[in-house]
Amino acid sequence: MHRGQIAGEIRRIGPEAGFAERIIMLTEHRFIQAMHALRHHRHRAPETPIHEIYQSSTINAVLEGIYDGAMTFGQLKRHGDFGIGTLNALDGEMVGFDGRFWQITSDGSVHAIPDDYRTPFATVLFFKATVGKTIQGPLDYDGLCTLLVNSVESANLFSAIRVDGTFRHVRTRSVPRQTKPYPPLVKITENQPEFDLYDVAGTLAGFRFPDFAEGMNVPGFHLHFLTNDLQAGGHVLALELDHAQLAVDDTSHFHVELPTDESFLAARLGGDRREELNKAEK
């Protein structure tokens, strides 16, 4: 608001109030306007929230080594019951569905995530399937991605992917907790722990982001895995699917909350980082 707008607002409040009172009333008035705008953005109607993908931070910030959690999982759950990400200090992989969130640590073990744990990067939504179908294998990772491409509504929308089934093989990875000064992600994944899981039942959960979302999230498919017995999982590198049920949730709404800590504000997050991203995520 510029000076002329402020003067106009003060005049509109009325001359009977003192100057200090008018400033306080003006501040309250602008706060109410801001809250109304936020409510309008977050809700189509009081009982009908916008169906959107919600994200904390960006993938380029993770590539840069910004691993301090800006949000608790308790806060994250207000925005979704399904998603993937990581934990404070890059302490493993996160996968969540049906309202429960799990950590797969670098030794391959699985842990329920308490609400007070923090995340430096996570993508979630309230999952509502718009497409459902049965998948018959055998099908490898590339074959599954081809099938998924034909199942999403459009390559220019955002899609959440869930696959529940049996797998002849799933290769996953996790990453170890880091200490400061944090190294960039590509250095960490050069020696990442990998796990080969054979003849397992479980859930693939993740997203497909459009190519134009590069820098914000991983373009294309990004999937995490969790076995039904909660004994193993991680970021998916390869798979051979036997039989499964596919559910897809497409949306045109994408909301990002950026950190405001010193490391994020001072970071250089632009530029073409596709090669670095492919090394870290594929």
C-alpha atoms as a PDB file:
ATOM      1  CA  MET A   1       0.000   0.000   0.000  1.00  0.00           C
ATOM      2  CA  HIS A   2       1.471   3.377  -0.968  1.00  0.00           C
ATOM      3  CA  ARG A   3       1.224   6.656   0.977  1.00  0.00           C
ATOM      4  CA  GLY A   4      -1.862   7.941  -0.851  1.00  0.00           C
ATOM      5  CA  GLN A   5      -3.741   4.688  -0.182  1.00  0.00           C
ATOM      6  CA  ILE A   6      -2.836   4.837   3.532  1.00  0.00           C
ATOM      7  CA  ALA A   7      -4.081   8.454   3.769  1.00  0.00           C
ATOM      8  CA  GLY A   8      -7.317   7.493   2.024  1.00  0.00           C
ATOM      9  CA  GLU A   9      -7.862   4.565   4.361  1.00  0.00           C
ATOM     10  CA  ILE A  10      -7.266   6.760   7.444  1.00  0.00           C
ATOM     11  CA  ARG A  11      -9.765   9.362   6.158  1.00  0.00           C
ATOM     12  CA  ARG A  12     -12.301   6.603   5.491  1.00  0.00           C
ATOM     13  CA  ILE A  13     -12.015   5.311   9.081  1.00  0.00           C
ATOM     14  CA  GLY A  14     -13.146   8.737  10.300  1.00  0.00           C
ATOM     15  CA  PRO A  15     -11.827  11.879  12.002  1.00  0.00           C
ATOM     16  CA  GLU A  16     -13.426  11.118  15.370  1.00  0.00           C
ATOM     17  CA  ALA A  17     -10.694   8.562  16.179  1.00  0.00           C
ATOM     18  CA  GLY A  18      -7.248   9.736  17.302  1.00  0.00           C
ATOM     19  CA  PHE A  19      -4.266   9.202  15.019  1.00  0.00           C
ATOM     20  CA  ALA A  20      -2.956   6.188  16.987  1.00  0.00           C
ATOM     21  CA  GLU A  21      -6.441   4.652  17.077  1.00  0.00           C
ATOM     22  CA  ARG A  22      -6.824   5.165  13.339  1.00  0.00           C
ATOM     23  CA  ILE A  23      -3.486   3.459  12.660  1.00  0.00           C
ATOM     24  CA  ILE A  24      -4.509   0.488  14.827  1.00  0.00           C
ATOM     25  CA  MET A  25      -7.905   0.307  13.128  1.00  0.00           C
ATOM     26  CA  LEU A  26      -6.216   0.508   9.724  1.00  0.00           C
ATOM     27  CA  THR A  27      -3.850  -2.319  10.652  1.00  0.00           C
ATOM     28  CA  GLU A  28      -6.751  -4.461  11.846  1.00  0.00           C
ATOM     29  CA  HIS A  29      -8.712  -3.640   8.699  1.00  0.00           C
ATOM     30  CA  ARG A  30      -5.836  -4.716   6.431  1.00  0.00           C
ATOM     31  CA  PHE A  31      -5.305  -7.887   8.510  1.00  0.00           C
ATOM     32  CA  ILE A  32      -8.968  -8.816   8.132  1.00  0.00           C
ATOM     33  CA  GLN A  33      -8.715  -8.206   4.380  1.00  0.00           C
ATOM     34  CA  ALA A  34      -5.618 -10.422   4.184  1.00  0.00           C
ATOM     35  CA  MET A  35      -7.319 -13.205   6.156  1.00  0.00           C
ATOM     36  CA  HIS A  36     -10.368 -12.944   3.902  1.00  0.00           C
ATOM     37  CA  ALA A  37      -8.146 -13.263   0.830  1.00  0.00           C
ATOM     38  CA  LEU A  38      -6.396 -16.279   2.347  1.00  0.00           C
ATOM     39  CA  ARG A  39      -9.742 -17.892   3.171  1.00  0.00           C
ATOM     40  CA  HIS A  40     -10.925 -17.256  -0.384  1.00  0.00           C
ATOM     41  CA  HIS A  41      -7.771 -18.894  -1.769  1.00  0.00           C
ATOM     42  CA  ARG A  42      -7.851 -21.921   0.527  1.00  0.00           C
ATOM     43  CA  HIS A  43     -11.594 -22.567   0.294  1.00  0.00           C
ATOM     44  CA  ARG A  44     -14.118 -22.564  -2.528  1.00  0.00           C
ATOM     45  CA  ALA A  45     -16.824 -22.632   0.134  1.00  0.00           C
ATOM     46  CA  PRO A  46     -16.600 -23.008   3.924  1.00  0.00           C
ATOM     47  CA  GLU A  47     -17.349 -26.726   3.680  1.00  0.00           C
ATOM     48  CA  THR A  48     -15.483 -27.422   0.403  1.00  0.00           C
ATOM     49  CA  PRO A  49     -11.675 -27.019   0.551  1.00  0.00           C
ATOM     50  CA  ILE A  50      -9.705 -26.585  -2.665  1.00  0.00           C
ATOM     51  CA  HIS A  51      -8.391 -29.936  -3.834  1.00  0.00           C
ATOM     52  CA  GLU A  52      -4.712 -29.138  -4.218  1.00  0.00           C
ATOM     53  CA  ILE A  53      -1.207 -30.482  -3.957  1.00  0.00           C
ATOM     54  CA  TYR A  54       0.578 -28.755  -1.095  1.00  0.00           C
ATOM     55  CA  GLN A  55       4.371 -28.551  -0.930  1.00  0.00           C
ATOM     56  CA  SER A  56       6.876 -27.365   1.634  1.00  0.00           C
ATOM     57  CA  SER A  57      10.020 -25.851   0.017  1.00  0.00           C
ATOM     58  CA  THR A  58      11.396 -26.849  -3.422  1.00  0.00           C
ATOM     59  CA  ILE A  59      13.471 -29.658  -4.910  1.00  0.00           C
ATOM     60  CA  ASN A  60      16.187 -27.175  -5.890  1.00  0.00           C
ATOM     61  CA  ALA A  61      16.534 -26.205  -2.237  1.00  0.00           C
ATOM     62  CA  VAL A  62      17.097 -29.879  -1.404  1.00  0.00           C
ATOM     63  CA  LEU A  63      19.672 -30.181  -4.200  1.00  0.00           C
ATOM     64  CA  GLU A  64      21.416 -27.167  -2.666  1.00  0.00           C
ATOM     65  CA  GLY A  65      21.650 -28.835   0.748  1.00  0.00           C
ATOM     66  CA  ILE A  66      18.906 -26.982   2.628  1.00  0.00           C
ATOM     67  CA  TYR A  67      17.867 -29.780   4.982  1.00  0.00           C
ATOM     68  CA  ASP A  68      16.620 -27.969   8.094  1.00  0.00           C
ATOM     69  CA  GLY A  69      12.935 -28.707   8.581  1.00  0.00           C
ATOM     70  CA  ALA A  70      10.671 -25.686   8.186  1.00  0.00           C
ATOM     71  CA  MET A  71       7.420 -27.492   9.063  1.00  0.00           C
ATOM     72  CA  THR A  72       6.311 -30.180  11.512  1.00  0.00           C
ATOM     73  CA  PHE A  73       4.443 -33.256  10.348  1.00  0.00           C
ATOM     74  CA  GLY A  74       1.557 -32.190  12.543  1.00  0.00           C
ATOM     75  CA  GLN A  75       1.325 -29.026  10.456  1.00  0.00           C
ATOM     76  CA  LEU A  76       1.816 -30.968   7.229  1.00  0.00           C
ATOM     77  CA  LYS A  77      -1.135 -33.258   7.986  1.00  0.00           C
ATOM     78  CA  ARG A  78      -3.448 -30.251   7.848  1.00  0.00           C
ATOM     79  CA  HIS A  79      -2.767 -30.155   4.114  1.00  0.00           C
ATOM     80  CA  GLY A  80      -2.853 -33.819   3.123  1.00  0.00           C
ATOM     81  CA  ASP A  81      -3.166 -37.467   4.095  1.00  0.00           C
ATOM     82  CA  PHE A  82      -0.964 -38.777   1.260  1.00  0.00           C
ATOM     83  CA  GLY A  83       2.514 -37.819   0.096  1.00  0.00           C
ATOM     84  CA  ILE A  84       6.277 -38.195  -0.046  1.00  0.00           C
ATOM     85  CA  GLY A  85       9.312 -36.242   1.099  1.00  0.00           C
ATOM     86  CA  THR A  86      12.141 -36.395   3.616  1.00  0.00           C
ATOM     87  CA  LEU A  87      12.844 -35.504   7.241  1.00  0.00           C
ATOM     88  CA  ASN A  88      14.901 -32.941   9.108  1.00  0.00           C
ATOM     89  CA  ALA A  89      18.638 -33.149   8.275  1.00  0.00           C
ATOM     90  CA  LEU A  90      17.714 -35.424   5.328  1.00  0.00           C
ATOM     91  CA  ASP A  91      17.116 -38.286   7.754  1.00  0.00           C
ATOM     92  CA  GLY A  92      15.723 -40.884   5.351  1.00  0.00           C
ATOM     93  CA  GLU A  93      12.738 -41.075   2.996  1.00  0.00           C
ATOM     94  CA  MET A  94       9.137 -40.272   3.873  1.00  0.00           C
ATOM     95  CA  VAL A  95       6.017 -41.928   2.474  1.00  0.00           C
ATOM     96  CA  GLY A  96       2.452 -41.410   3.623  1.00  0.00           C
ATOM     97  CA  PHE A  97      -1.045 -42.621   2.757  1.00  0.00           C
ATOM     98  CA  ASP A  98      -4.364 -43.160   4.534  1.00  0.00           C
ATOM     99  CA  GLY A  99      -3.383 -40.400   6.960  1.00  0.00           C
ATOM    100  CA  ARG A 100      -0.247 -42.113   8.312  1.00  0.00           C
ATOM    101  CA  PHE A 101       3.332 -41.037   7.560  1.00  0.00           C
ATOM    102  CA  TRP A 102       6.378 -43.302   7.695  1.00  0.00           C
ATOM    103  CA  GLN A 103      10.142 -42.794   7.750  1.00  0.00           C
ATOM    104  CA  ILE A 104      12.484 -45.245   6.023  1.00  0.00           C
ATOM    105  CA  THR A 105      15.942 -44.665   7.497  1.00  0.00           C
ATOM    106  CA  SER A 106      19.318 -45.392   5.894  1.00  0.00           C
ATOM    107  CA  ASP A 107      19.483 -48.855   7.504  1.00  0.00           C
ATOM    108  CA  GLY A 108      16.239 -49.774   5.711  1.00  0.00           C
ATOM    109  CA  SER A 109      14.033 -49.828   8.818  1.00  0.00           C
ATOM    110  CA  VAL A 110      10.573 -48.227   8.977  1.00  0.00           C
ATOM    111  CA  HIS A 111       9.302 -45.904  11.721  1.00  0.00           C
ATOM    112  CA  ALA A 112       6.029 -44.075  12.313  1.00  0.00           C
ATOM    113  CA  ILE A 113       6.683 -40.320  12.201  1.00  0.00           C
ATOM    114  CA  PRO A 114       5.646 -38.328  15.305  1.00  0.00           C
ATOM    115  CA  ASP A 115       3.768 -35.081  14.716  1.00  0.00           C
ATOM    116  CA  ASP A 116       6.594 -32.989  16.206  1.00  0.00           C
ATOM    117  CA  TYR A 117       9.199 -34.245  13.704  1.00  0.00           C
ATOM    118  CA  ARG A 118      10.071 -31.721  11.001  1.00  0.00           C
ATOM    119  CA  THR A 119      10.446 -31.864   7.232  1.00  0.00           C
ATOM    120  CA  PRO A 120      12.590 -29.695   4.917  1.00  0.00           C
ATOM    121  CA  PHE A 121      10.738 -30.914   1.814  1.00  0.00           C
ATOM    122  CA  ALA A 122       7.426 -32.719   1.407  1.00  0.00           C
ATOM    123  CA  THR A 123       4.571 -32.922  -1.093  1.00  0.00           C
ATOM    124  CA  VAL A 124       1.088 -33.933   0.071  1.00  0.00           C
ATOM    125  CA  LEU A 125      -2.619 -33.788  -0.737  1.00  0.00           C
ATOM    126  CA  PHE A 126      -5.901 -35.264   0.426  1.00  0.00           C
ATOM    127  CA  PHE A 127      -6.056 -38.203  -1.961  1.00  0.00           C
ATOM    128  CA  LYS A 128      -9.310 -38.716  -3.880  1.00  0.00           C
ATOM    129  CA  ALA A 129      -8.941 -41.141  -6.775  1.00  0.00           C
ATOM    130  CA  THR A 130     -10.294 -39.959 -10.133  1.00  0.00           C
ATOM    131  CA  VAL A 131      -8.997 -43.016 -12.042  1.00  0.00           C
ATOM    132  CA  GLY A 132      -8.847 -46.624 -10.912  1.00  0.00           C
ATOM    133  CA  LYS A 133      -7.816 -49.763 -12.785  1.00  0.00           C
ATOM    134  CA  THR A 134      -6.259 -53.185 -12.370  1.00  0.00           C
ATOM    135  CA  ILE A 135      -2.670 -53.698 -13.554  1.00  0.00           C
ATOM    136  CA  GLN A 136      -1.460 -57.107 -14.697  1.00  0.00           C
ATOM    137  CA  GLY A 137       2.281 -57.707 -14.907  1.00  0.00           C
ATOM    138  CA  PRO A 138       4.984 -58.428 -15.336  1.00  0.00           C
ATOM    139  CA  LEU A 139       5.767 -54.736 -15.670  1.00  0.00           C
ATOM    140  CA  ASP A 140       9.037 -52.932 -15.001  1.00  0.00           C
ATOM    141  CA  TYR A 141       9.492 -49.314 -13.889  1.00  0.00           C
ATOM    142  CA  ASP A 142       9.551 -47.903 -17.426  1.00  0.00           C
ATOM    143  CA  GLY A 143       6.521 -49.968 -18.373  1.00  0.00           C
ATOM    144  CA  LEU A 144       4.636 -48.737 -15.322  1.00  0.00           C
ATOM    145  CA  CYS A 145       5.504 -45.127 -16.153  1.00  0.00           C
ATOM    146  CA  THR A 146       4.201 -45.631 -19.714  1.00  0.00           C
ATOM    147  CA  LEU A 147       0.948 -47.002 -18.316  1.00  0.00           C
ATOM    148  CA  LEU A 148       0.715 -44.082 -15.891  1.00  0.00           C
ATOM    149  CA  VAL A 149       1.260 -41.533 -18.662  1.00  0.00           C
ATOM    150  CA  ASN A 150      -1.832 -42.963 -20.354  1.00  0.00           C
ATOM    151  CA  SER A 151      -3.783 -42.886 -17.088  1.00  0.00           C
ATOM    152  CA  VAL A 152      -3.299 -39.264 -15.987  1.00  0.00           C
ATOM    153  CA  GLU A 153      -5.708 -36.658 -17.295  1.00  0.00           C
ATOM    154  CA  SER A 154      -3.036 -34.425 -18.834  1.00  0.00           C
ATOM    155  CA  ALA A 155       0.729 -34.023 -18.854  1.00  0.00           C
ATOM    156  CA  ASN A 156       0.122 -30.389 -17.896  1.00  0.00           C
ATOM    157  CA  LEU A 157      -1.709 -31.134 -14.643  1.00  0.00           C
ATOM    158  CA  PHE A 158      -0.423 -32.466 -11.323  1.00  0.00           C
ATOM    159  CA  SER A 159      -1.109 -36.122 -10.549  1.00  0.00           C
ATOM    160  CA  ALA A 160      -0.898 -38.173  -7.373  1.00  0.00           C
ATOM    161  CA  ILE A 161      -0.215 -41.873  -7.970  1.00  0.00           C
ATOM    162  CA  ARG A 162      -1.018 -44.837  -5.735  1.00  0.00           C
ATOM    163  CA  VAL A 163      -0.326 -48.480  -6.670  1.00  0.00           C
ATOM    164  CA  ASP A 164      -1.256 -51.253  -4.223  1.00  0.00           C
ATOM    165  CA  GLY A 165      -0.091 -54.713  -5.225  1.00  0.00           C
ATOM    166  CA  THR A 166       2.441 -57.502  -5.324  1.00  0.00           C
ATOM    167  CA  PHE A 167       5.935 -57.072  -6.693  1.00  0.00           C
ATOM    168  CA  ARG A 168       8.523 -59.612  -7.791  1.00  0.00           C
ATOM    169  CA  HIS A 169      11.236 -57.050  -7.102  1.00  0.00           C
ATOM    170  CA  VAL A 170      11.536 -53.470  -5.862  1.00  0.00           C
ATOM    171  CA  ARG A 171      14.878 -51.689  -5.576  1.00  0.00           C
ATOM    172  CA  THR A 172      14.772 -48.778  -3.170  1.00  0.00           C
ATOM    173  CA  ARG A 173      17.176 -46.356  -1.559  1.00  0.00           C
ATOM    174  CA  SER A 174      17.280 -44.160   1.493  1.00  0.00           C
ATOM    175  CA  VAL A 175      19.699 -41.467   2.608  1.00  0.00           C
ATOM    176  CA  PRO A 176      21.566 -41.082   5.922  1.00  0.00           C
ATOM    177  CA  ARG A 177      20.991 -38.243   8.356  1.00  0.00           C
ATOM    178  CA  GLN A 178      23.398 -35.364   7.686  1.00  0.00           C
ATOM    179  CA  THR A 179      25.346 -33.000   9.906  1.00  0.00           C
ATOM    180  CA  LYS A 180      26.311 -29.405   9.177  1.00  0.00           C
ATOM    181  CA  PRO A 181      27.790 -28.097   7.013  1.00  0.00           C
ATOM    182  CA  TYR A 182      25.335 -29.997   4.821  1.00  0.00           C
ATOM    183  CA  PRO A 183      26.724 -31.387   1.532  1.00  0.00           C
ATOM    184  CA  PRO A 184      24.609 -31.113  -1.649  1.00  0.00           C
ATOM    185  CA  LEU A 185      22.228 -33.995  -2.354  1.00  0.00           C
ATOM    186  CA  VAL A 186      24.144 -35.271  -5.377  1.00  0.00           C
ATOM    187  CA  LYS A 187      27.200 -35.941  -3.180  1.00  0.00           C
ATOM    188  CA  ILE A 188      25.137 -37.867  -0.649  1.00  0.00           C
ATOM    189  CA  THR A 189      23.469 -40.113  -3.219  1.00  0.00           C
ATOM    190  CA  GLU A 190      26.816 -41.148  -4.734  1.00  0.00           C
ATOM    191  CA  ASN A 191      27.091 -43.640  -1.861  1.00  0.00           C
ATOM    192  CA  GLN A 192      23.436 -44.097  -0.971  1.00  0.00           C
ATOM    193  CA  PRO A 193      22.264 -47.307   0.738  1.00  0.00           C
ATOM    194  CA  GLU A 194      20.170 -49.394  -1.680  1.00  0.00           C
ATOM    195  CA  PHE A 195      17.843 -52.304  -0.893  1.00  0.00           C
ATOM    196  CA  ASP A 196      16.564 -55.127  -3.114  1.00  0.00           C
ATOM    197  CA  LEU A 197      13.162 -56.390  -1.991  1.00  0.00           C
ATOM    198  CA  TYR A 198      11.862 -59.624  -3.537  1.00  0.00           C
ATOM    199  CA  ASP A 199       8.323 -61.055  -3.609  1.00  0.00           C
ATOM    200  CA  VAL A 200       6.759 -58.315  -1.531  1.00  0.00           C
ATOM    201  CA  ALA A 201       3.307 -56.779  -1.222  1.00  0.00           C
ATOM    202  CA  GLY A 202       3.059 -53.071  -0.654  1.00  0.00           C
ATOM    203  CA  THR A 203       2.147 -49.585  -1.803  1.00  0.00           C
ATOM    204  CA  LEU A 204       3.795 -47.236  -4.262  1.00  0.00           C
ATOM    205  CA  ALA A 205       2.923 -43.610  -3.530  1.00  0.00           C
ATOM    206  CA  GLY A 206       4.075 -40.460  -5.293  1.00  0.00           C
ATOM    207  CA  PHE A 207       3.464 -37.836  -7.918  1.00  0.00           C
ATOM    208  CA  ARG A 208       3.831 -36.904 -11.549  1.00  0.00           C
ATOM    209  CA  PHE A 209       4.785 -33.256 -12.082  1.00  0.00           C
ATOM    210  CA  PRO A 210       4.773 -31.485 -15.472  1.00  0.00           C
ATOM    211  CA  ASP A 211       8.064 -30.605 -17.132  1.00  0.00           C
ATOM    212  CA  PHE A 212       7.430 -26.902 -16.512  1.00  0.00           C
ATOM    213  CA  ALA A 213       7.571 -27.560 -12.742  1.00  0.00           C
ATOM    214  CA  GLU A 214      11.336 -28.165 -12.952  1.00  0.00           C
ATOM    215  CA  GLY A 215      13.062 -26.542 -10.014  1.00  0.00           C
ATOM    216  CA  MET A 216       9.939 -26.766  -7.865  1.00  0.00           C
ATOM    217  CA  ASN A 217       9.621 -30.556  -7.856  1.00  0.00           C
ATOM    218  CA  VAL A 218      10.868 -33.593  -9.800  1.00  0.00           C
ATOM    219  CA  PRO A 219       9.506 -33.482 -13.378  1.00  0.00           C
ATOM    220  CA  GLY A 220       7.902 -36.784 -14.339  1.00  0.00           C
ATOM    221  CA  PHE A 221       7.295 -39.583 -11.851  1.00  0.00           C
ATOM    222  CA  HIS A 222       8.680 -39.660  -8.307  1.00  0.00           C
ATOM    223  CA  LEU A 223       7.592 -42.719  -6.295  1.00  0.00           C
ATOM    224  CA  HIS A 224       8.268 -44.087  -2.817  1.00  0.00           C
ATOM    225  CA  PHE A 225       7.421 -47.591  -1.567  1.00  0.00           C
ATOM    226  CA  LEU A 226       6.311 -49.211   1.676  1.00  0.00           C
ATOM    227  CA  THR A 227       5.711 -52.923   2.264  1.00  0.00           C
ATOM    228  CA  ASN A 228       2.415 -54.022   3.793  1.00  0.00           C
ATOM    229  CA  ASP A 229       4.232 -55.443   6.808  1.00  0.00           C
ATOM    230  CA  LEU A 230       5.937 -52.066   7.430  1.00  0.00           C
ATOM    231  CA  GLN A 231       9.366 -53.665   7.341  1.00  0.00           C
ATOM    232  CA  ALA A 232      10.971 -52.018   4.281  1.00  0.00           C
ATOM    233  CA  GLY A 233      10.606 -49.324   1.642  1.00  0.00           C
ATOM    234  CA  GLY A 234      12.200 -46.149   0.323  1.00  0.00           C
ATOM    235  CA  HIS A 235      12.669 -44.094  -2.816  1.00  0.00           C
ATOM    236  CA  VAL A 236      11.980 -46.339  -5.830  1.00  0.00           C
ATOM    237  CA  LEU A 237      14.837 -46.925  -8.303  1.00  0.00           C
ATOM    238  CA  ALA A 238      13.545 -50.016 -10.129  1.00  0.00           C
ATOM    239  CA  LEU A 239      10.737 -52.547  -9.882  1.00  0.00           C
ATOM    240  CA  GLU A 240       9.012 -55.530 -11.409  1.00  0.00           C
ATOM    241  CA  LEU A 241       5.291 -55.457 -10.752  1.00  0.00           C
ATOM    242  CA  ASP A 242       3.204 -58.630 -10.727  1.00  0.00           C
ATOM    243  CA  HIS A 243      -0.382 -57.553 -10.004  1.00  0.00           C
ATOM    244  CA  ALA A 244      -1.788 -54.301  -8.590  1.00  0.00           C
ATOM    245  CA  GLN A 245      -4.598 -51.786  -8.279  1.00  0.00           C
ATOM    246  CA  LEU A 246      -3.844 -48.305  -9.623  1.00  0.00           C
ATOM    247  CA  ALA A 247      -5.445 -45.094  -8.352  1.00  0.00           C
ATOM    248  CA  VAL A 248      -4.725 -41.653  -9.825  1.00  0.00           C
ATOM    249  CA  ASP A 249      -5.759 -38.265  -8.451  1.00  0.00           C
ATOM    250  CA  ASP A 250      -5.365 -35.326 -10.866  1.00  0.00           C
ATOM    251  CA  THR A 251      -5.561 -31.675  -9.856  1.00  0.00           C
ATOM    252  CA  SER A 252      -4.884 -28.258 -11.366  1.00  0.00           C
ATOM    253  CA  HIS A 253      -4.083 -26.701  -7.961  1.00  0.00           C
ATOM    254  CA  PHE A 254      -0.543 -26.521  -6.606  1.00  0.00           C
ATOM    255  CA  HIS A 255       0.357 -24.557  -3.469  1.00  0.00           C
ATOM    256  CA  VAL A 256       3.941 -23.981  -2.253  1.00  0.00           C
ATOM    257  CA  GLU A 257       5.096 -22.693   1.135  1.00  0.00           C
ATOM    258  CA  LEU A 258       8.699 -21.484   1.075  1.00  0.00           C
ATOM    259  CA  PRO A 259      11.024 -21.472   4.094  1.00  0.00           C
ATOM    260  CA  THR A 260      12.119 -18.089   5.417  1.00  0.00           C
ATOM    261  CA  ASP A 261      15.245 -19.159   7.302  1.00  0.00           C
ATOM    262  CA  GLU A 262      18.620 -17.621   6.485  1.00  0.00           C
ATOM    263  CA  SER A 263      19.961 -20.607   4.520  1.00  0.00           C
ATOM    264  CA  PHE A 264      16.996 -20.588   2.123  1.00  0.00           C
ATOM    265  CA  LEU A 265      16.892 -16.813   1.693  1.00  0.00           C
ATOM    266  CA  ALA A 266      20.619 -16.692   0.872  1.00  0.00           C
ATOM    267  CA  ALA A 267      20.679 -19.729  -1.448  1.00  0.00           C
ATOM    268  CA  ARG A 268      21.155 -19.531  -5.226  1.00  0.00           C
ATOM    269  CA  LEU A 269      18.363 -21.778  -6.455  1.00  0.00           C
ATOM    270  CA  GLY A 270      18.081 -20.966 -10.152  1.00  0.00           C
ATOM    271  CA  GLY A 271      19.754 -22.377 -13.241  1.00  0.00           C
ATOM    272  CA  ASP A 272      19.454 -25.638 -15.150  1.00  0.00           C
ATOM    273  CA  ARG A 273      19.963 -28.458 -12.637  1.00  0.00           C
ATOM    274  CA  ARG A 274      18.467 -31.354 -14.624  1.00  0.00           C
ATOM    275  CA  GLU A 275      21.685 -33.368 -14.754  1.00  0.00           C
ATOM    276  CA  GLU A 276      22.215 -32.956 -11.023  1.00  0.00           C
ATOM    277  CA  LEU A 277      18.601 -33.880 -10.312  1.00  0.00           C
ATOM    278  CA  ASN A 278      18.798 -37.018 -12.468  1.00  0.00           C
ATOM    279  CA  LYS A 279      21.929 -38.179 -10.656  1.00  0.00           C
ATOM    280  CA  ALA A 280      20.300 -37.659  -7.281  1.00  0.00           C
ATOM    281  CA  GLU A 281      16.831 -39.032  -7.998  1.00  0.00           C
ATOM    282  CA  LYS A 282      17.129 -41.773 -10.653  1.00  0.00           C
END
